[in-house]
Protein backbone atom coordinates (compact mmCIF):
# COMPACT_ATOMS: atom_id res chain seq x y z
CA MET A 1 80.65 -0.46 -24.30
CA ASN A 2 81.39 1.44 -21.05
CA ARG A 3 79.10 0.46 -17.88
CA LEU A 4 76.86 3.60 -18.10
CA THR A 5 76.04 2.71 -22.00
CA ARG A 6 75.57 -0.89 -20.81
CA CYS A 7 73.18 0.09 -18.34
CA ILE A 8 71.10 2.58 -20.70
CA THR A 9 70.73 -0.26 -23.21
CA ALA A 10 69.63 -2.66 -20.83
CA LEU A 11 67.02 -0.49 -19.61
CA LEU A 12 65.73 0.62 -23.02
CA MET A 13 65.71 -3.13 -23.88
CA CYS A 14 63.80 -3.60 -20.54
CA LEU A 15 61.29 -0.94 -21.52
CA GLY A 16 60.84 -2.32 -25.26
CA VAL A 17 62.41 0.77 -26.53
CA MET A 18 65.24 -1.15 -28.16
CA THR A 19 65.42 -4.61 -29.15
CA ALA A 20 68.64 -6.98 -28.77
CA GLU A 21 69.15 -7.03 -32.29
CA ALA A 22 69.12 -3.36 -32.93
CA GLN A 23 71.72 -2.94 -29.64
CA ALA A 24 73.73 -5.39 -31.28
CA ALA A 25 73.82 -3.38 -34.49
CA GLY A 26 74.21 -0.09 -32.67
CA ALA A 27 70.95 1.44 -34.10
CA PRO A 28 67.57 1.81 -32.69
CA SER A 29 64.83 -1.01 -33.10
CA GLU A 30 62.36 -0.67 -36.17
CA GLN A 31 59.90 -1.49 -33.66
CA ALA A 32 60.98 1.22 -31.28
CA SER A 33 58.42 3.08 -29.32
CA PRO A 34 58.09 6.34 -30.94
CA ALA A 35 58.88 9.23 -28.99
CA PRO A 36 55.75 11.00 -27.12
CA THR A 37 54.30 13.32 -29.33
CA GLY A 38 50.11 13.58 -28.59
CA ILE A 39 50.22 16.71 -30.96
CA ARG A 40 49.95 17.55 -34.73
CA ALA A 41 53.17 19.49 -36.38
CA ASP A 42 50.73 22.12 -37.41
CA VAL A 43 49.28 22.67 -34.22
CA ARG A 44 52.52 22.54 -32.44
CA LYS A 45 53.78 25.41 -34.38
CA LEU A 46 50.58 27.83 -33.30
CA THR A 47 51.01 26.67 -29.80
CA THR A 48 55.05 27.43 -29.19
CA GLN A 49 54.85 30.56 -31.61
CA THR A 50 51.90 32.05 -29.29
CA ILE A 51 53.71 31.85 -26.39
CA GLN A 52 55.65 34.84 -25.31
CA PHE A 53 58.77 33.48 -23.54
CA LYS A 54 60.00 35.56 -20.60
CA HIS A 55 63.04 34.87 -18.44
CA GLY A 56 61.57 33.58 -15.13
CA ASP A 57 58.09 32.78 -16.35
CA ILE A 58 56.98 29.24 -16.81
CA SER A 59 53.38 29.86 -16.97
CA TRP A 60 52.69 28.15 -20.15
CA LEU A 61 54.47 25.03 -18.96
CA ARG A 62 51.67 22.84 -18.08
CA ASP A 63 49.98 22.83 -21.28
CA LEU A 64 53.23 22.38 -23.57
CA ALA A 65 54.31 19.54 -21.10
CA LEU A 66 51.12 17.80 -21.12
CA GLN A 67 51.26 17.69 -24.80
CA ALA A 68 55.18 16.59 -24.58
CA GLY A 69 53.86 13.40 -22.73
CA TRP A 70 54.77 14.34 -19.01
CA LYS A 71 52.33 13.74 -16.36
CA PRO A 72 50.56 16.23 -14.15
CA GLY A 73 52.41 15.20 -10.93
CA GLN A 74 55.82 15.90 -12.68
CA ILE A 75 55.34 19.17 -13.96
CA LYS A 76 56.18 21.04 -10.69
CA ARG A 77 59.62 19.44 -10.36
CA LEU A 78 59.93 19.88 -14.29
CA GLY A 79 59.68 23.84 -13.82
CA GLN A 80 62.06 23.86 -11.19
CA ILE A 81 64.46 22.32 -13.50
CA ILE A 82 63.67 24.51 -16.34
CA LEU A 83 64.09 27.59 -14.07
CA ARG A 84 67.09 26.39 -13.04
CA GLU A 85 68.65 25.25 -16.16
CA SER A 86 67.27 27.84 -18.93
CA GLY A 87 65.24 30.21 -16.75
CA GLY A 88 62.26 29.22 -19.23
CA CYS A 89 64.05 30.63 -22.38
CA PRO A 90 63.79 27.82 -25.07
CA ASN A 91 66.23 29.54 -27.24
CA ARG A 92 69.16 29.36 -24.67
CA ARG A 93 72.14 27.35 -25.08
CA GLY A 94 74.71 26.48 -22.34
CA GLY A 95 76.48 29.73 -21.16
CA ASP A 96 74.23 32.11 -22.90
CA VAL A 97 73.25 35.55 -21.28
CA VAL A 98 69.85 36.41 -21.76
CA ASP A 99 67.51 39.49 -21.19
CA SER A 100 63.93 39.49 -19.79
CA SER A 101 62.26 38.38 -23.07
CA CYS A 102 64.89 35.46 -23.51
CA ASN A 103 66.74 37.27 -26.27
CA VAL A 104 70.29 35.95 -25.96
CA THR A 105 72.87 39.03 -25.63
CA GLY A 106 76.00 37.01 -25.22
CA VAL A 107 77.99 34.18 -23.83
CA SER A 108 79.09 34.21 -20.12
CA GLU A 109 81.20 30.84 -20.67
CA TRP A 110 82.21 28.36 -23.59
CA THR A 111 82.37 25.15 -21.60
CA HIS A 112 78.63 23.73 -22.07
CA ARG A 113 77.55 25.05 -25.33
CA SER A 114 76.41 21.41 -26.76
CA ASP A 115 73.54 22.01 -23.81
CA SER A 116 70.33 22.99 -25.32
CA GLY A 117 67.07 24.59 -24.91
CA LEU A 118 64.66 24.61 -21.69
CA LEU A 119 66.26 21.28 -20.10
CA GLN A 120 69.50 22.18 -21.37
CA ILE A 121 69.60 18.73 -22.82
CA ASN A 122 73.33 17.92 -23.03
CA GLY A 123 75.38 17.10 -26.30
CA VAL A 124 75.86 13.34 -25.15
CA HIS A 125 72.22 12.93 -25.76
CA TRP A 126 71.87 14.34 -29.10
CA LYS A 127 75.28 13.78 -30.90
CA LYS A 128 75.08 10.65 -32.89
CA ASP A 129 78.39 9.90 -32.80
CA HIS A 130 79.36 10.57 -29.45
CA ALA A 131 82.11 8.13 -27.95
CA GLN A 132 81.26 7.78 -24.52
CA TYR A 133 76.93 7.90 -24.47
CA ALA A 134 74.16 6.40 -26.42
CA GLY A 135 73.01 9.71 -28.34
CA LEU A 136 69.62 8.47 -27.23
CA VAL A 137 67.85 11.72 -28.41
CA CYS A 138 69.33 11.20 -31.92
CA LYS A 139 68.65 7.54 -32.13
CA GLN A 140 65.02 7.40 -30.55
CA MET A 141 63.97 10.87 -32.01
CA GLY A 142 66.02 11.58 -34.91
CA VAL A 143 66.87 14.72 -33.47
CA CYS A 144 70.88 14.99 -34.01
CA GLU A 145 71.37 18.69 -34.35
CA GLN A 146 71.43 21.42 -31.41
CA ASP A 147 68.81 23.74 -33.49
CA LYS A 148 66.29 21.23 -33.09
CA LEU A 149 66.32 21.26 -29.33
CA LEU A 150 65.57 24.87 -29.17
CA ASP A 151 62.06 24.24 -30.26
CA PRO A 152 60.29 24.33 -26.74
CA LEU A 153 58.00 21.36 -27.65
CA THR A 154 60.85 19.32 -28.89
CA ASN A 155 62.91 19.95 -26.00
CA LEU A 156 60.34 18.71 -23.65
CA MET A 157 59.74 15.75 -25.51
CA ALA A 158 63.45 14.78 -25.55
CA GLY A 159 63.52 15.59 -21.87
CA ARG A 160 60.72 13.07 -21.28
CA LEU A 161 62.64 10.51 -23.09
CA LEU A 162 65.44 10.93 -20.85
CA PHE A 163 63.46 11.01 -17.90
CA GLU A 164 61.35 7.73 -19.34
CA VAL A 165 65.10 6.24 -19.09
CA ALA A 166 67.04 8.04 -16.17
CA GLY A 167 64.40 9.50 -14.13
CA TRP A 168 65.51 12.99 -12.84
CA SER A 169 69.26 11.99 -12.72
CA PRO A 170 69.98 13.94 -16.11
CA TRP A 171 69.37 17.12 -14.03
CA SER A 172 70.50 16.22 -10.72
CA THR A 173 72.85 18.76 -8.69
CA ASN A 174 74.89 16.22 -7.05
């Protein structure tokens, strides 16, 4: 286990998200805290389907972010990150070119294709078999496929989980 994985595991155990037994087994705890939801699936579909996503427009963010478990004081920074990462287009994969209505029109580069959705959640967090990282989003939320992270609420929930573990560092520009 490398140093980063040990640090993340220690933090998860401290937060009560993972037990020592689960860490030893390489699996999430049965008693693990569920990812923040705060919304029924039928309401979620209605909410995300009624939003008309436009590149550069995050006027919808506050309500959806609160449903995903973000705090009101975090929404301004979250919005800045979303605008930088995806332009507010939830269906965007790393390298995608989009038009003003968030329709994918092409690919500008192919090196970051595992980056997903609003927060461009990296594959190291959703691939269950990634050699270097823990696959936290996969293990804690059961989101182990990129397409699921193109759902805006799921992406915001996954981002919230990463934030709970690592703060803003997954989106650091340093």
